[in-house]
Amino acid sequence: MAGEGKGKIVDRGKKYHKIFIYIPKEVSSDTSFPFKVGEDVTVRIEGNRLVIEKRQQASN
């Protein structure tokens, strides 16, 4: 599998509870990585998996 590496889940919240997931460079620099920095995503749990998808743009 291309673009695979070890990530990490960390709690960076001091005043508020915040969880961050670090994506390794091997994954984020892969040409098939579907996200851009700052892009909004949808995060959900399916069974024992965390699914991250691009958010659908609201049509006006």
N, C-alpha and C. Protein backbone atom coordinates (compact mmCIF):
# COMPACT_ATOMS: atom_id res chain seq x y z
N MET A 1 0.85 -1.18 0.00
CA MET A 1 0.00 0.00 0.00
C MET A 1 0.89 1.24 0.00
N ALA A 2 0.69 2.12 -0.93
CA ALA A 2 1.48 3.35 -1.02
C ALA A 2 1.03 4.34 0.04
N GLY A 3 1.93 5.20 0.45
CA GLY A 3 1.59 6.24 1.40
C GLY A 3 1.15 5.72 2.75
N GLU A 4 1.92 4.85 3.35
CA GLU A 4 1.57 4.31 4.66
C GLU A 4 2.66 4.66 5.65
N GLY A 5 2.26 5.02 6.87
CA GLY A 5 3.23 5.35 7.90
C GLY A 5 2.56 5.35 9.26
N LYS A 6 3.33 5.58 10.30
CA LYS A 6 2.82 5.57 11.66
C LYS A 6 2.32 6.96 12.04
N GLY A 7 1.04 7.06 12.39
CA GLY A 7 0.46 8.30 12.87
C GLY A 7 0.38 8.28 14.39
N LYS A 8 -0.26 9.31 14.94
CA LYS A 8 -0.37 9.37 16.40
C LYS A 8 -1.59 10.19 16.78
N ILE A 9 -2.27 9.76 17.84
CA ILE A 9 -3.39 10.49 18.39
C ILE A 9 -2.92 11.14 19.68
N VAL A 10 -3.09 12.47 19.78
CA VAL A 10 -2.62 13.20 20.96
C VAL A 10 -3.72 14.13 21.47
N ASP A 11 -3.67 14.41 22.76
CA ASP A 11 -4.58 15.37 23.38
C ASP A 11 -3.79 16.65 23.61
N ARG A 12 -4.11 17.69 22.87
CA ARG A 12 -3.39 18.96 22.98
C ARG A 12 -4.18 20.00 23.76
N GLY A 13 -5.32 19.61 24.30
CA GLY A 13 -6.15 20.57 25.03
C GLY A 13 -5.62 20.85 26.42
N LYS A 14 -5.53 22.10 26.77
CA LYS A 14 -5.17 22.47 28.14
C LYS A 14 -6.42 23.00 28.82
N LYS A 15 -7.05 23.98 28.20
CA LYS A 15 -8.28 24.53 28.75
C LYS A 15 -9.49 23.73 28.28
N TYR A 16 -9.46 23.30 27.02
CA TYR A 16 -10.55 22.53 26.44
C TYR A 16 -10.00 21.21 25.93
N HIS A 17 -10.82 20.18 25.96
CA HIS A 17 -10.41 18.86 25.48
C HIS A 17 -10.32 18.87 23.95
N LYS A 18 -9.14 18.66 23.41
CA LYS A 18 -8.93 18.63 21.96
C LYS A 18 -8.08 17.43 21.60
N ILE A 19 -8.54 16.66 20.65
CA ILE A 19 -7.79 15.50 20.17
C ILE A 19 -7.32 15.79 18.75
N PHE A 20 -6.06 15.53 18.49
CA PHE A 20 -5.48 15.71 17.16
C PHE A 20 -4.97 14.37 16.66
N ILE A 21 -5.11 14.15 15.38
CA ILE A 21 -4.55 12.95 14.75
C ILE A 21 -3.47 13.42 13.79
N TYR A 22 -2.26 12.99 14.04
CA TYR A 22 -1.14 13.34 13.18
C TYR A 22 -1.03 12.33 12.05
N ILE A 23 -1.00 12.84 10.84
CA ILE A 23 -0.86 12.00 9.65
C ILE A 23 0.59 12.11 9.20
N PRO A 24 1.27 10.98 9.06
CA PRO A 24 2.69 11.03 8.71
C PRO A 24 2.93 11.58 7.31
N LYS A 25 4.11 12.13 7.13
CA LYS A 25 4.50 12.74 5.85
C LYS A 25 4.38 11.74 4.70
N GLU A 26 4.69 10.48 4.95
CA GLU A 26 4.60 9.47 3.89
C GLU A 26 3.19 9.35 3.34
N VAL A 27 2.21 9.64 4.17
CA VAL A 27 0.81 9.58 3.73
C VAL A 27 0.38 10.91 3.13
N SER A 28 0.65 12.01 3.82
CA SER A 28 0.18 13.32 3.36
C SER A 28 0.87 13.80 2.09
N SER A 29 2.06 13.30 1.80
CA SER A 29 2.76 13.72 0.57
C SER A 29 2.49 12.78 -0.60
N ASP A 30 1.74 11.71 -0.37
CA ASP A 30 1.37 10.79 -1.44
C ASP A 30 0.46 11.53 -2.43
N THR A 31 0.66 11.33 -3.70
CA THR A 31 -0.14 12.04 -4.72
C THR A 31 -1.62 11.71 -4.66
N SER A 32 -1.99 10.62 -4.03
CA SER A 32 -3.40 10.26 -3.93
C SER A 32 -4.04 10.77 -2.63
N PHE A 33 -3.29 11.50 -1.80
CA PHE A 33 -3.84 12.06 -0.56
C PHE A 33 -4.93 13.06 -0.94
N PRO A 34 -6.18 12.86 -0.48
CA PRO A 34 -7.31 13.63 -1.01
C PRO A 34 -7.60 14.97 -0.33
N PHE A 35 -6.79 15.39 0.65
CA PHE A 35 -7.13 16.59 1.41
C PHE A 35 -6.08 17.67 1.25
N LYS A 36 -6.52 18.92 1.50
CA LYS A 36 -5.61 20.07 1.51
C LYS A 36 -5.61 20.64 2.93
N VAL A 37 -4.52 21.27 3.32
CA VAL A 37 -4.42 21.87 4.65
C VAL A 37 -5.53 22.92 4.80
N GLY A 38 -6.23 22.87 5.92
CA GLY A 38 -7.28 23.83 6.20
C GLY A 38 -8.66 23.43 5.68
N GLU A 39 -8.73 22.36 4.92
CA GLU A 39 -10.00 21.92 4.35
C GLU A 39 -10.89 21.31 5.43
N ASP A 40 -12.21 21.61 5.35
CA ASP A 40 -13.17 21.01 6.28
C ASP A 40 -13.44 19.57 5.89
N VAL A 41 -13.53 18.70 6.89
CA VAL A 41 -13.79 17.28 6.65
C VAL A 41 -14.91 16.81 7.56
N THR A 42 -15.53 15.71 7.21
CA THR A 42 -16.50 15.03 8.05
C THR A 42 -15.80 13.83 8.68
N VAL A 43 -15.96 13.67 9.99
CA VAL A 43 -15.34 12.56 10.72
C VAL A 43 -16.45 11.76 11.38
N ARG A 44 -16.43 10.45 11.19
CA ARG A 44 -17.43 9.60 11.83
C ARG A 44 -16.81 8.25 12.19
N ILE A 45 -17.49 7.56 13.08
CA ILE A 45 -17.05 6.24 13.51
C ILE A 45 -17.95 5.21 12.86
N GLU A 46 -17.34 4.22 12.24
CA GLU A 46 -18.05 3.07 11.66
C GLU A 46 -17.43 1.81 12.25
N GLY A 47 -18.13 1.23 13.22
CA GLY A 47 -17.58 0.06 13.89
C GLY A 47 -16.32 0.44 14.64
N ASN A 48 -15.20 -0.21 14.29
CA ASN A 48 -13.93 0.12 14.95
C ASN A 48 -13.03 0.97 14.05
N ARG A 49 -13.62 1.63 13.06
CA ARG A 49 -12.87 2.47 12.12
C ARG A 49 -13.27 3.94 12.25
N LEU A 50 -12.31 4.81 12.03
CA LEU A 50 -12.55 6.24 11.95
C LEU A 50 -12.53 6.60 10.47
N VAL A 51 -13.60 7.20 9.98
CA VAL A 51 -13.71 7.55 8.57
C VAL A 51 -13.63 9.06 8.44
N ILE A 52 -12.74 9.55 7.57
CA ILE A 52 -12.58 10.98 7.33
C ILE A 52 -12.85 11.21 5.85
N GLU A 53 -13.81 12.09 5.57
CA GLU A 53 -14.19 12.37 4.19
C GLU A 53 -14.27 13.87 3.95
N LYS A 54 -14.10 14.27 2.68
CA LYS A 54 -14.30 15.66 2.32
C LYS A 54 -15.75 16.02 2.60
N ARG A 55 -15.97 17.25 3.09
CA ARG A 55 -17.34 17.70 3.33
C ARG A 55 -17.97 18.08 2.00
N GLN A 56 -19.24 17.77 1.88
CA GLN A 56 -19.99 18.14 0.68
C GLN A 56 -20.23 19.65 0.72
N GLN A 57 -20.01 20.30 -0.41
CA GLN A 57 -20.27 21.74 -0.52
C GLN A 57 -21.78 21.97 -0.58
N ALA A 58 -22.27 22.91 0.22
CA ALA A 58 -23.69 23.25 0.19
C ALA A 58 -23.97 24.04 -1.09
N SER A 59 -24.95 23.60 -1.85
CA SER A 59 -25.28 24.32 -3.09
C SER A 59 -26.31 25.39 -2.80
N ASN A 60 -26.09 26.57 -3.36
CA ASN A 60 -27.00 27.71 -3.12
C ASN A 60 -27.92 27.89 -4.29
